[in-house]
N, C-alpha and C. Protein backbone atom coordinates (compact mmCIF):
# COMPACT_ATOMS: atom_id res chain seq x y z
N MET A 1 96.66 55.01 99.58
CA MET A 1 95.58 54.66 100.25
C MET A 1 95.31 55.60 101.01
N ALA A 2 96.00 56.44 101.53
CA ALA A 2 95.68 57.89 102.58
C ALA A 2 94.49 58.57 101.92
N GLU A 3 94.87 58.81 101.00
CA GLU A 3 93.78 60.05 99.53
C GLU A 3 92.64 59.12 100.06
N ASP A 4 92.59 57.68 99.67
CA ASP A 4 91.30 56.82 99.65
C ASP A 4 90.58 57.05 100.80
N LEU A 5 91.29 56.98 101.74
CA LEU A 5 90.71 56.65 103.36
C LEU A 5 90.42 57.94 103.75
N LEU A 6 90.75 59.13 103.15
CA LEU A 6 90.54 60.56 103.65
C LEU A 6 89.12 60.57 103.02
N LEU A 7 89.44 60.54 101.89
CA LEU A 7 88.50 60.79 100.40
C LEU A 7 87.05 60.25 101.14
N LEU A 8 86.86 58.57 101.43
CA LEU A 8 85.68 58.03 102.27
C LEU A 8 85.64 58.69 103.71
N LEU A 9 86.09 59.02 104.46
CA LEU A 9 86.16 59.62 105.40
C LEU A 9 85.12 61.08 105.74
N PHE A 10 85.23 61.38 104.59
CA PHE A 10 84.62 62.61 104.17
C PHE A 10 83.25 62.68 104.14
N GLN A 11 82.59 63.35 104.75
CA GLN A 11 80.90 63.31 104.86
C GLN A 11 80.12 63.82 104.06
N PRO A 12 79.99 64.05 103.00
CA PRO A 12 79.21 65.04 102.30
C PRO A 12 77.47 65.69 102.65
N SER A 13 77.31 64.62 103.79
CA SER A 13 76.12 65.00 104.00
C SER A 13 76.07 65.80 105.46
N SER A 14 76.81 65.44 105.77
CA SER A 14 76.72 65.97 107.06
C SER A 14 76.56 67.91 107.26
N GLY A 15 76.89 68.14 105.76
CA GLY A 15 76.65 69.82 105.55
C GLY A 15 75.63 70.17 104.90
N ARG A 16 74.80 68.93 104.58
CA ARG A 16 73.52 69.36 103.90
C ARG A 16 73.27 70.39 103.52
N GLN A 17 72.70 71.51 104.33
CA GLN A 17 72.04 72.59 103.90
C GLN A 17 73.05 73.76 103.65
N SER A 18 74.40 73.55 103.85
CA SER A 18 75.49 74.91 103.58
C SER A 18 75.83 74.19 102.24
N GLY A 19 76.03 72.80 101.62
CA GLY A 19 76.60 72.07 100.70
C GLY A 19 77.99 72.16 101.05
N THR A 20 78.30 72.06 102.32
CA THR A 20 79.52 71.06 103.03
C THR A 20 79.48 70.02 103.75
N GLY A 21 80.75 69.54 103.48
CA GLY A 21 80.87 68.28 104.29
C GLY A 21 81.88 68.67 105.73
N SER A 22 82.04 67.54 106.33
CA SER A 22 83.41 67.22 107.06
C SER A 22 83.82 65.68 107.33
N ILE A 23 84.78 65.72 108.03
CA ILE A 23 85.89 64.53 107.81
C ILE A 23 85.77 63.48 109.16
N ALA A 24 85.06 62.63 109.45
CA ALA A 24 84.81 61.87 110.17
C ALA A 24 86.20 61.52 111.57
N GLY A 25 85.95 60.98 112.40
CA GLY A 25 87.25 60.90 113.03
C GLY A 25 88.07 61.76 113.32
N GLU A 26 88.01 63.43 113.65
CA GLU A 26 89.24 63.99 113.08
C GLU A 26 89.79 64.36 114.39
N GLY A 27 89.22 63.90 115.62
CA GLY A 27 90.32 63.57 116.97
C GLY A 27 91.30 62.57 116.66
N THR A 28 91.28 61.71 115.93
CA THR A 28 92.40 60.60 115.94
C THR A 28 92.71 60.38 114.22
N LEU A 29 92.15 61.66 113.44
CA LEU A 29 92.34 61.09 111.84
C LEU A 29 93.51 60.87 111.67
N TYR A 30 94.63 61.17 112.31
CA TYR A 30 95.98 61.66 111.97
C TYR A 30 97.05 60.34 112.35
N TYR A 31 96.12 59.54 113.16
CA TYR A 31 96.78 57.98 113.62
C TYR A 31 95.97 57.32 112.48
N ALA A 32 94.93 57.59 111.78
CA ALA A 32 94.48 56.72 110.72
C ALA A 32 95.22 56.81 109.11
N LEU A 33 95.53 58.46 108.86
CA LEU A 33 95.94 58.77 107.71
C LEU A 33 97.72 57.59 107.79
N ALA A 34 98.15 58.09 108.57
CA ALA A 34 99.75 57.59 109.21
C ALA A 34 99.90 56.07 109.36
N GLY A 35 98.75 55.51 109.58
CA GLY A 35 98.32 53.67 109.30
C GLY A 35 98.50 53.64 107.77
N ALA A 36 97.69 54.78 107.10
CA ALA A 36 97.26 53.97 105.59
C ALA A 36 98.63 54.34 104.97
N VAL A 37 99.30 55.47 104.88
CA VAL A 37 100.60 55.87 104.51
C VAL A 37 101.55 54.64 104.62
N LEU A 38 101.78 54.01 105.94
CA LEU A 38 102.54 52.82 106.13
C LEU A 38 102.29 51.60 105.35
N ALA A 39 100.50 51.44 105.39
CA ALA A 39 100.19 50.17 105.01
C ALA A 39 100.16 50.20 103.11
N ASP A 40 100.58 51.58 102.43
CA ASP A 40 100.81 51.45 101.12
C ASP A 40 102.24 51.40 101.13
N LEU A 41 102.70 51.67 102.25
CA LEU A 41 104.13 51.48 102.20
C LEU A 41 104.83 49.71 102.65
N GLY A 42 104.12 49.37 102.81
CA GLY A 42 103.81 47.90 102.98
C GLY A 42 103.50 46.97 102.08
N LEU A 43 102.85 47.59 101.17
CA LEU A 43 102.46 46.74 100.26
C LEU A 43 103.07 46.97 98.76
N GLY A 44 103.96 48.13 98.73
CA GLY A 44 104.71 48.54 97.74
C GLY A 44 106.11 48.16 98.24
N GLY A 45 106.10 46.80 99.41
CA GLY A 45 107.34 46.39 99.51
C GLY A 45 108.23 47.36 99.89
N HIS A 46 108.36 48.70 100.51
CA HIS A 46 108.91 49.82 100.74
C HIS A 46 109.73 49.79 102.44
N VAL A 47 108.74 49.29 103.25
CA VAL A 47 109.00 48.86 104.56
C VAL A 47 108.30 47.33 104.87
N ARG A 48 109.43 47.30 106.20
CA ARG A 48 109.23 45.24 106.66
C ARG A 48 108.70 45.85 108.23
N THR A 49 108.19 44.78 109.23
CA THR A 49 107.98 45.11 110.01
C THR A 49 109.09 43.88 110.99
N GLU A 50 109.09 43.66 111.78
CA GLU A 50 110.30 43.02 112.64
C GLU A 50 109.73 43.54 114.43
N SER A 51 109.88 42.26 114.80
CA SER A 51 109.38 42.23 116.65
C SER A 51 110.35 43.12 117.46
N GLY A 52 110.50 44.07 118.01
CA GLY A 52 111.11 45.30 118.61
C GLY A 52 110.98 44.62 119.67
N ARG A 53 111.44 45.66 120.64
CA ARG A 53 112.12 45.14 122.27
C ARG A 53 110.57 45.20 122.97
N LEU A 54 110.46 44.71 124.04
CA LEU A 54 109.24 44.38 124.56
C LEU A 54 108.15 44.03 124.25
N GLY A 55 108.50 43.23 123.15
CA GLY A 55 107.46 42.63 122.07
C GLY A 55 106.50 43.65 121.24
N THR A 56 107.15 44.79 121.28
CA THR A 56 106.16 45.69 120.38
C THR A 56 106.72 45.56 119.03
N MET A 57 106.42 45.75 117.81
CA MET A 57 106.29 45.54 116.44
C MET A 57 107.30 47.09 116.00
N ALA A 58 108.22 46.90 115.15
CA ALA A 58 109.21 47.94 114.66
C ALA A 58 108.91 48.19 113.29
N VAL A 59 109.21 49.06 112.83
CA VAL A 59 108.96 48.85 110.95
C VAL A 59 110.49 49.63 110.74
N GLU A 60 110.58 48.71 109.64
CA GLU A 60 112.17 49.37 109.37
C GLU A 60 112.11 49.29 107.78
N ALA A 61 113.06 50.08 107.36
CA ALA A 61 112.89 50.49 105.62
C ALA A 61 113.27 49.72 104.74
N VAL A 62 113.09 49.32 103.63
CA VAL A 62 113.79 48.57 102.81
C VAL A 62 114.38 49.64 101.92
N ALA A 63 116.25 49.14 102.28
CA ALA A 63 117.12 50.12 102.01
C ALA A 63 117.02 50.48 100.11
N ASP A 64 116.82 49.88 99.15
CA ASP A 64 117.08 49.91 97.90
C ASP A 64 115.74 49.93 97.52
N ASN A 65 114.61 50.22 97.96
CA ASN A 65 113.43 50.36 97.71
C ASN A 65 112.57 51.41 98.49
N PRO A 66 112.79 52.53 97.99
CA PRO A 66 112.63 53.99 98.46
C PRO A 66 111.47 53.95 97.54
N PRO A 67 110.02 54.77 97.76
CA PRO A 67 109.09 55.47 97.05
C PRO A 67 109.18 56.06 96.14
N SER A 68 108.46 56.32 95.13
CA SER A 68 108.56 57.72 94.25
C SER A 68 107.73 58.53 95.05
N ASP A 69 106.78 58.27 95.70
CA ASP A 69 105.34 59.57 95.78
C ASP A 69 106.64 60.13 97.02
N GLN A 70 106.29 61.38 97.31
CA GLN A 70 106.54 62.59 98.19
C GLN A 70 106.23 62.19 99.03
N LEU A 71 104.78 62.23 99.90
CA LEU A 71 103.99 61.63 100.95
C LEU A 71 104.74 60.51 101.35
N LEU A 72 104.60 59.33 100.52
CA LEU A 72 105.04 58.06 101.14
C LEU A 72 106.67 58.32 101.03
N ARG A 73 107.42 59.01 100.34
CA ARG A 73 108.73 59.09 101.24
C ARG A 73 109.49 59.67 102.38
N ALA A 74 108.69 60.67 102.62
CA ALA A 74 109.09 61.43 103.82
C ALA A 74 108.56 60.44 105.27
N SER A 75 107.45 59.59 104.86
CA SER A 75 107.25 58.39 106.01
C SER A 75 108.59 57.30 105.98
N TRP A 76 108.96 56.81 105.03
CA TRP A 76 110.07 56.00 104.30
C TRP A 76 111.18 56.73 105.32
N GLU A 77 111.55 57.85 104.99
CA GLU A 77 112.75 58.36 105.32
C GLU A 77 112.87 58.25 106.74
N TYR A 78 111.78 58.55 107.19
CA TYR A 78 111.87 58.39 109.04
C TYR A 78 112.13 57.43 109.98
N VAL A 79 111.93 56.41 108.66
CA VAL A 79 112.26 54.74 109.77
C VAL A 79 113.66 54.32 108.78
N ALA A 80 114.13 55.22 107.68
CA ALA A 80 115.09 54.62 106.91
C ALA A 80 116.64 54.72 107.89
N ASP A 81 116.53 55.80 109.11
CA ASP A 81 117.68 56.29 109.83
C ASP A 81 118.10 54.54 110.72
N LYS A 82 116.81 54.32 111.23
CA LYS A 82 116.49 53.03 111.87
C LYS A 82 115.67 52.45 112.50
N PRO A 83 114.87 51.35 112.65
CA PRO A 83 113.31 50.79 113.13
C PRO A 83 112.95 51.59 113.79
N ARG A 84 111.82 51.59 113.22
CA ARG A 84 110.98 52.89 114.96
C ARG A 84 109.57 51.90 115.02
N SER A 85 109.01 52.33 116.09
CA SER A 85 107.83 51.39 117.24
C SER A 85 107.00 52.48 116.04
N VAL A 86 105.87 51.16 115.43
CA VAL A 86 104.64 51.66 115.18
C VAL A 86 103.94 52.53 115.38
N GLN A 87 103.67 52.56 116.31
CA GLN A 87 103.45 53.53 117.49
C GLN A 87 103.83 55.00 117.42
N THR A 88 105.45 54.93 117.59
CA THR A 88 106.24 56.26 117.26
C THR A 88 105.86 56.72 115.92
N VAL A 89 105.91 56.04 115.10
CA VAL A 89 105.58 56.38 113.55
C VAL A 89 104.33 56.98 113.12
N LEU A 90 103.34 56.23 113.44
CA LEU A 90 101.98 57.64 113.54
C LEU A 90 102.34 58.27 114.25
N ALA A 91 102.55 58.41 115.38
CA ALA A 91 102.43 59.59 116.33
C ALA A 91 103.42 60.59 115.57
N ALA A 92 104.48 60.72 115.20
CA ALA A 92 105.83 61.62 114.29
C ALA A 92 105.21 61.82 112.75
N THR A 93 104.80 60.72 112.34
CA THR A 93 104.50 61.29 110.52
C THR A 93 102.79 62.02 110.17
N GLY A 94 101.93 61.63 111.40
CA GLY A 94 100.58 61.85 111.14
C GLY A 94 99.97 62.80 111.10
N PRO A 95 100.79 64.04 111.68
CA PRO A 95 99.86 65.38 111.87
C PRO A 95 100.37 65.84 111.18
N THR A 96 101.15 65.96 109.81
CA THR A 96 101.67 66.57 108.75
C THR A 96 100.81 66.16 107.43
N LEU A 97 99.75 64.97 107.38
CA LEU A 97 99.33 64.32 106.33
C LEU A 97 98.39 65.20 105.58
N ARG A 98 96.95 66.00 106.82
CA ARG A 98 95.70 65.91 106.61
C ARG A 98 95.87 67.55 105.19
N GLU A 99 96.68 68.01 105.59
CA GLU A 99 96.73 68.93 104.73
C GLU A 99 97.13 68.77 103.18
N PRO A 100 98.34 68.43 103.17
CA PRO A 100 98.80 67.82 101.54
C PRO A 100 97.94 66.44 100.98
N LEU A 101 97.39 66.30 102.13
CA LEU A 101 96.32 65.38 101.04
C LEU A 101 94.58 65.55 100.53
N LEU A 102 94.38 66.78 101.72
CA LEU A 102 92.97 67.52 101.05
C LEU A 102 93.38 68.58 99.97
N ASP A 103 94.74 68.62 99.51
CA ASP A 103 95.34 69.25 98.41
C ASP A 103 95.15 68.18 97.05
N ARG A 104 95.38 67.11 97.41
CA ARG A 104 95.20 66.20 96.64
C ARG A 104 94.14 65.76 95.75
N LEU A 105 93.07 65.66 96.93
CA LEU A 105 91.54 65.19 96.44
C LEU A 105 91.30 66.31 95.72
N VAL A 106 91.46 67.55 96.22
CA VAL A 106 90.91 69.44 95.44
C VAL A 106 91.42 69.29 94.03
N GLU A 107 92.36 68.90 93.84
CA GLU A 107 93.69 69.18 92.35
C GLU A 107 92.97 68.53 91.52
N ARG A 108 92.73 66.67 92.17
CA ARG A 108 91.67 65.76 91.39
C ARG A 108 90.17 66.06 91.32
N GLY A 109 89.65 66.82 91.72
CA GLY A 109 88.56 66.83 91.48
C GLY A 109 87.58 65.87 92.21
N ASP A 110 88.25 65.35 93.14
CA ASP A 110 87.44 64.46 94.13
C ASP A 110 86.67 65.48 95.37
N LEU A 111 87.28 66.34 95.85
CA LEU A 111 86.58 66.85 96.44
C LEU A 111 86.61 68.64 96.01
N ARG A 112 85.38 69.40 96.45
CA ARG A 112 85.78 70.95 96.01
C ARG A 112 85.84 72.17 97.00
N ARG A 113 87.04 72.91 97.15
CA ARG A 113 87.25 74.02 98.71
C ARG A 113 86.91 75.17 98.16
N SER A 114 86.41 75.77 99.41
CA SER A 114 86.03 77.13 99.28
C SER A 114 86.44 77.71 100.78
N THR A 115 86.13 79.10 100.87
CA THR A 115 86.28 79.91 101.90
C THR A 115 85.27 80.35 102.42
N ARG A 116 85.17 80.15 103.88
CA ARG A 116 84.05 80.68 104.61
C ARG A 116 84.70 82.04 105.96
N SER A 117 84.25 82.83 106.36
CA SER A 117 84.44 84.01 107.16
C SER A 117 83.93 83.57 108.61
N THR A 118 84.33 83.49 109.18
CA THR A 118 83.99 83.35 111.15
C THR A 118 83.79 84.44 111.82
N PHE A 119 82.58 85.14 111.82
CA PHE A 119 82.46 86.57 112.78
C PHE A 119 83.22 87.31 111.97
N GLY A 120 83.30 87.11 110.63
CA GLY A 120 83.59 88.69 109.74
C GLY A 120 85.28 88.60 109.71
N LEU A 121 86.13 87.57 110.96
CA LEU A 121 87.36 87.67 111.31
C LEU A 121 88.16 87.17 110.58
N PHE A 122 87.92 85.80 111.05
CA PHE A 122 88.47 84.56 110.59
C PHE A 122 88.30 83.83 109.44
N LYS A 123 88.97 83.52 108.06
CA LYS A 123 88.74 82.64 107.01
C LYS A 123 88.78 81.26 107.57
N THR A 124 88.28 80.41 106.83
CA THR A 124 88.50 78.99 107.01
C THR A 124 88.51 78.60 105.74
N SER A 125 88.61 77.02 105.46
CA SER A 125 88.61 76.32 104.38
C SER A 125 87.35 75.20 104.94
N VAL A 126 86.29 75.39 103.52
CA VAL A 126 85.43 74.34 104.12
C VAL A 126 85.76 73.82 102.49
N TYR A 127 85.01 72.35 102.27
CA TYR A 127 84.97 71.52 101.57
C TYR A 127 83.64 70.43 101.13
N ALA A 128 83.36 70.33 99.96
CA ALA A 128 82.18 69.87 99.38
C ALA A 128 82.60 68.94 97.96
N GLU A 129 81.55 67.73 98.28
CA GLU A 129 82.16 66.37 97.28
C GLU A 129 82.20 67.03 95.61
N GLY A 130 83.49 66.86 95.09
CA GLY A 130 83.50 67.06 94.09
C GLY A 130 82.56 66.06 92.69
N ASP A 131 82.83 66.25 91.36
CA ASP A 131 82.63 65.55 90.36
C ASP A 131 82.57 64.22 89.91
N SER A 132 83.99 64.19 90.47
CA SER A 132 84.87 62.87 90.27
C SER A 132 83.86 61.54 90.48
N GLY A 133 82.98 61.35 91.57
CA GLY A 133 82.55 59.96 91.52
C GLY A 133 83.09 59.22 91.78
N ARG A 134 84.63 59.35 92.69
CA ARG A 134 85.47 58.26 93.20
C ARG A 134 84.98 57.84 94.19
N ARG A 135 84.15 58.83 95.76
CA ARG A 135 84.25 58.31 96.65
C ARG A 135 83.06 57.55 96.75
N ASP A 136 82.18 57.50 95.85
CA ASP A 136 81.13 56.52 95.48
C ASP A 136 81.45 55.31 94.86
N GLY A 137 82.51 55.29 94.32
CA GLY A 137 83.35 53.60 93.71
C GLY A 137 83.62 53.17 94.93
N LEU A 138 84.47 54.27 95.94
CA LEU A 138 85.31 53.84 96.73
C LEU A 138 84.25 52.84 98.36
N MET A 139 83.08 53.73 98.28
CA MET A 139 82.09 53.35 99.18
C MET A 139 81.70 52.08 98.62
N ALA A 140 81.16 51.92 97.37
CA ALA A 140 80.51 50.96 96.65
C ALA A 140 81.73 49.45 97.14
N GLY A 141 82.93 49.38 97.28
CA GLY A 141 84.01 48.73 96.89
C GLY A 141 83.95 47.88 98.52
N VAL A 142 84.33 49.17 99.38
CA VAL A 142 84.04 48.71 100.64
C VAL A 142 82.68 48.07 100.84
N ARG A 143 81.81 48.37 100.91
CA ARG A 143 80.80 47.64 101.16
C ARG A 143 80.60 46.64 100.89
N ALA A 144 80.81 46.01 99.31
CA ALA A 144 81.16 45.09 98.72
C ALA A 144 81.65 44.07 99.69
N VAL A 145 82.68 43.83 100.22
CA VAL A 145 83.98 43.37 100.71
C VAL A 145 82.95 43.22 102.36
N LEU A 146 82.71 44.42 103.22
CA LEU A 146 82.33 43.73 104.57
C LEU A 146 80.72 43.84 104.48
N VAL A 147 80.08 44.01 103.36
CA VAL A 147 78.50 43.73 103.71
C VAL A 147 77.96 42.39 102.69
N ASP A 148 78.46 42.07 101.65
CA ASP A 148 78.31 41.52 100.46
C ASP A 148 79.29 39.71 100.18
N GLY A 149 80.00 40.51 101.50
CA GLY A 149 81.30 39.09 101.51
C GLY A 149 81.75 39.13 100.46
N ALA A 150 82.58 39.98 99.22
CA ALA A 150 83.02 39.29 98.53
C ALA A 150 84.88 39.64 98.09
N GLU A 151 85.06 38.88 97.98
CA GLU A 151 86.30 38.28 98.00
C GLU A 151 87.47 39.85 97.78
N PRO A 152 88.15 40.10 98.80
CA PRO A 152 88.63 41.53 98.34
C PRO A 152 90.12 41.75 97.47
N THR A 153 90.42 42.47 97.00
CA THR A 153 91.64 43.00 96.57
C THR A 153 92.39 42.94 97.50
N VAL A 154 94.08 42.84 97.38
CA VAL A 154 94.70 43.58 98.57
C VAL A 154 94.34 44.81 98.79
N ARG A 155 94.52 45.82 97.97
CA ARG A 155 94.40 47.02 98.54
C ARG A 155 92.94 47.25 99.19
N GLY A 156 91.63 46.56 98.60
CA GLY A 156 90.45 46.41 99.32
C GLY A 156 89.93 46.52 100.58
N ALA A 157 91.06 45.33 101.01
CA ALA A 157 91.32 44.78 101.86
C ALA A 157 91.94 45.47 103.00
N SER A 158 92.89 45.88 102.85
CA SER A 158 93.66 47.10 103.71
C SER A 158 92.79 48.19 103.97
N LEU A 159 91.64 48.91 102.73
CA LEU A 159 91.18 49.62 102.92
C LEU A 159 89.78 49.65 103.68
N ALA A 160 89.45 48.63 103.93
CA ALA A 160 88.52 48.31 104.50
C ALA A 160 89.08 48.50 106.04
N ALA A 161 89.97 47.39 105.93
CA ALA A 161 90.65 47.34 107.43
C ALA A 161 90.98 48.51 108.18
N LEU A 162 91.35 49.44 107.27
CA LEU A 162 91.84 50.95 107.71
C LEU A 162 90.58 51.79 108.02
N LEU A 163 89.48 51.42 107.39
CA LEU A 163 88.24 52.62 108.27
C LEU A 163 87.61 51.77 109.21
N TYR A 164 87.98 50.60 109.70
CA TYR A 164 87.48 50.00 110.63
C TYR A 164 88.01 50.24 111.82
N GLY A 165 89.57 50.41 111.33
CA GLY A 165 90.77 50.58 112.34
C GLY A 165 90.53 52.36 113.39
N SER A 166 89.68 53.25 111.97
CA SER A 166 90.13 54.55 112.38
C SER A 166 88.59 54.54 113.33
N GLY A 167 87.81 53.49 113.79
CA GLY A 167 86.87 53.76 114.63
C GLY A 167 85.43 54.46 113.88
N THR A 168 85.62 54.80 112.87
CA THR A 168 84.96 55.59 112.19
C THR A 168 83.30 55.06 111.57
N LEU A 169 83.47 53.40 111.48
CA LEU A 169 83.05 52.88 110.49
C LEU A 169 81.15 52.62 111.44
N PRO A 170 80.83 53.11 112.48
CA PRO A 170 79.49 53.41 112.98
C PRO A 170 78.62 54.15 112.27
N GLN A 171 79.79 55.65 111.70
CA GLN A 171 78.90 56.62 111.15
C GLN A 171 78.71 55.95 109.89
N PHE A 172 78.83 55.05 108.73
CA PHE A 172 78.68 54.84 107.87
C PHE A 172 77.31 53.91 107.70
N ASP A 173 76.89 53.94 109.13
CA ASP A 173 75.57 52.99 108.90
C ASP A 173 75.11 53.39 107.72
N ARG A 174 74.64 54.18 106.81
CA ARG A 174 73.36 54.52 106.43
C ARG A 174 74.10 53.82 104.81
N ASP A 175 75.05 53.30 104.77
CA ASP A 175 75.68 52.88 103.50
C ASP A 175 76.08 51.56 103.96
N ILE A 176 76.61 51.48 105.21
CA ILE A 176 77.62 49.97 105.80
C ILE A 176 76.54 49.51 107.03
N PRO A 177 75.48 49.00 107.00
CA PRO A 177 74.90 48.83 108.52
C PRO A 177 75.76 48.19 109.31
N TRP A 178 75.61 48.55 110.38
CA TRP A 178 76.87 48.52 111.68
C TRP A 178 75.96 47.08 112.73
N THR A 179 76.31 45.86 111.85
CA THR A 179 75.85 45.07 112.53
C THR A 179 76.92 43.98 112.50
N SER A 180 76.27 43.02 113.57
CA SER A 180 77.41 41.78 114.10
C SER A 180 77.78 41.19 112.64
N THR A 181 77.76 40.78 111.70
CA THR A 181 77.71 40.17 110.66
C THR A 181 79.31 41.08 109.87
N VAL A 182 79.33 42.40 109.43
CA VAL A 182 79.70 43.43 109.22
C VAL A 182 80.92 43.16 110.15
N ILE A 183 80.30 43.78 111.17
CA ILE A 183 81.85 43.37 112.75
C ILE A 183 82.53 42.42 112.40
N ALA A 184 82.13 41.26 112.57
CA ALA A 184 82.75 40.17 112.39
C ALA A 184 83.35 39.92 110.97
N ARG A 185 83.42 40.56 110.02
CA ARG A 185 83.59 40.43 108.90
C ARG A 185 84.93 41.32 108.83
N ALA A 186 84.71 42.81 109.07
CA ALA A 186 85.70 43.41 109.74
C ALA A 186 86.93 43.45 110.29
N GLU A 187 86.27 42.19 111.30
CA GLU A 187 87.84 41.46 112.61
C GLU A 187 88.20 40.88 111.73
N GLU A 188 87.66 40.06 111.27
CA GLU A 188 88.69 38.97 109.84
C GLU A 188 89.68 40.03 109.41
N LEU A 189 89.17 41.25 108.52
CA LEU A 189 90.47 41.71 107.58
C LEU A 189 91.16 42.91 108.60
N LYS A 190 90.86 43.02 109.81
CA LYS A 190 91.75 43.49 110.93
C LYS A 190 93.08 43.06 110.90
N GLU A 191 92.28 41.31 110.91
CA GLU A 191 93.68 40.37 111.57
C GLU A 191 94.50 39.83 109.86
N GLY A 192 93.74 40.25 109.08
CA GLY A 192 94.88 39.85 107.91
C GLY A 192 94.15 38.78 107.41
N ASN A 193 92.86 37.94 107.96
CA ASN A 193 92.23 37.21 107.34
C ASN A 193 91.35 37.66 106.22
N TRP A 194 92.26 37.43 104.85
CA TRP A 194 91.56 37.85 103.42
C TRP A 194 90.90 37.37 102.60
N GLY A 195 90.98 35.67 102.82
CA GLY A 195 90.35 34.96 102.06
C GLY A 195 91.31 33.90 100.99
N ALA A 196 91.22 32.69 100.32
CA ALA A 196 92.16 32.22 99.53
C ALA A 196 92.29 33.06 98.94
N GLY A 197 91.58 33.90 98.07
CA GLY A 197 92.40 34.80 97.22
C GLY A 197 93.67 35.48 97.27
N ALA A 198 93.97 36.03 99.13
CA ALA A 198 95.40 36.59 98.60
C ALA A 198 96.02 35.70 99.69
N THR A 199 96.20 34.34 99.50
CA THR A 199 97.02 33.75 100.20
C THR A 199 98.69 33.97 99.84
N GLU A 200 98.72 34.72 98.65
CA GLU A 200 100.08 34.54 98.06
C GLU A 200 100.68 36.18 98.66
N GLU A 201 99.89 36.95 99.74
CA GLU A 201 99.87 37.53 100.32
C GLU A 201 100.54 37.99 101.69
N ALA A 202 100.90 36.95 102.01
CA ALA A 202 100.91 36.57 103.55
C ALA A 202 101.69 37.78 104.26
N VAL A 203 102.67 38.23 103.61
CA VAL A 203 103.83 39.35 104.35
C VAL A 203 102.82 40.92 104.39
N THR A 204 102.08 40.69 103.22
CA THR A 204 101.65 42.23 103.02
C THR A 204 100.47 42.38 104.68
N ARG A 205 99.57 40.96 104.43
CA ARG A 205 98.54 40.65 105.51
C ARG A 205 99.44 41.07 106.95
N THR A 206 100.51 40.28 107.12
CA THR A 206 100.93 40.45 108.25
C THR A 206 101.22 42.06 109.02
N VAL A 207 101.90 42.84 107.97
CA VAL A 207 102.28 44.22 108.31
C VAL A 207 101.15 45.17 108.23
N THR A 208 100.13 44.72 107.01
CA THR A 208 98.95 45.75 107.28
C THR A 208 98.16 45.47 108.42
N ALA A 209 97.97 44.14 109.17
CA ALA A 209 97.49 43.69 110.13
C ALA A 209 98.11 44.36 111.58
N THR A 210 99.37 44.44 111.66
CA THR A 210 100.10 44.87 112.57
C THR A 210 99.61 46.66 112.36
N ILE A 211 99.94 47.33 111.46
CA ILE A 211 99.81 48.62 111.37
C ILE A 211 98.05 48.91 112.19
N VAL A 212 97.13 48.08 111.13
CA VAL A 212 95.77 48.60 111.77
C VAL A 212 95.59 48.31 113.06
N ASN A 213 96.13 47.32 113.27
CA ASN A 213 96.16 47.36 115.21
C ASN A 213 96.62 48.31 116.01
N ASN A 214 97.70 48.84 115.56
CA ASN A 214 98.51 49.63 115.99
C ASN A 214 97.50 51.21 115.84
N VAL A 215 97.03 51.47 114.94
CA VAL A 215 96.11 52.26 114.74
C VAL A 215 94.52 52.42 115.73
N ILE A 216 94.31 51.15 115.53
CA ILE A 216 93.29 51.00 116.92
C ILE A 216 93.32 51.35 118.20
N VAL A 217 94.72 50.70 118.83
CA VAL A 217 95.59 51.13 119.85
C VAL A 217 96.29 52.58 120.37
N ALA A 218 96.50 52.88 119.36
CA ALA A 218 96.85 54.45 119.63
C ALA A 218 95.33 55.44 119.44
N SER A 219 94.14 55.26 118.64
CA SER A 219 92.82 55.68 118.57
C SER A 219 92.72 55.58 119.83
N ALA A 220 92.41 54.78 120.69
CA ALA A 220 91.51 53.98 121.48
C ALA A 220 92.25 55.07 122.78
N ALA A 221 93.41 54.77 122.48
CA ALA A 221 94.48 55.69 123.84
C ALA A 221 94.28 57.71 123.80
N LEU A 222 93.89 57.77 122.47
CA LEU A 222 94.21 59.09 122.28
C LEU A 222 92.60 59.65 123.25
N GLN A 223 91.73 58.95 122.64
CA GLN A 223 89.93 59.18 122.85
C GLN A 223 90.26 59.03 124.74
N ARG A 224 90.80 58.04 124.84
CA ARG A 224 90.76 57.99 126.55
C ARG A 224 90.88 59.33 127.17
N GLY A 225 92.04 59.63 126.79
CA GLY A 225 93.05 60.88 127.26
C GLY A 225 92.01 61.99 126.89
């Protein structure tokens, strides 16, 4: 899910003249990506949440269900030693996610990477949208949930909620109009109200809602600071 979220956050039109794009919400990106990893761990039953001290929510690993994916495994191992607050997990695991996730997107052809020199001295990596068409498919799915009111899948609801939680949804106004109806729908998803089709996913909804709300709190605090 972190790969999907990062691909959605990539803005291919931001560098229209140069043929490259940028990533929306870079300032708080690591919180959103870490939240997506935690949400994936929750969807797979690899972690669960519990009430911590002072009313906070903690994440603990399900000991007999480690994930096979290495990026997910690193976050799972961080909470396998002892339960930790969601905020602690986001801050500790998020900063290392951006580059390996970009590598995966490039390897799959979702993004293309090239190198550009700045002042003839510093080389930086720049990205352009690949030919896979995967970003368009993800965007269409999120739009269907937020704009058209389509019944979401569990992953679709989680992804739309995380996109909203990242604070970047207004930047997608061209594809997803920033209207009161969309905001209300996003708020429902953020709180775990996914519709009748997801009633059997009560635990997953609770875990995801907890994570997304913590992403929002952490991102807002970082922006204020």
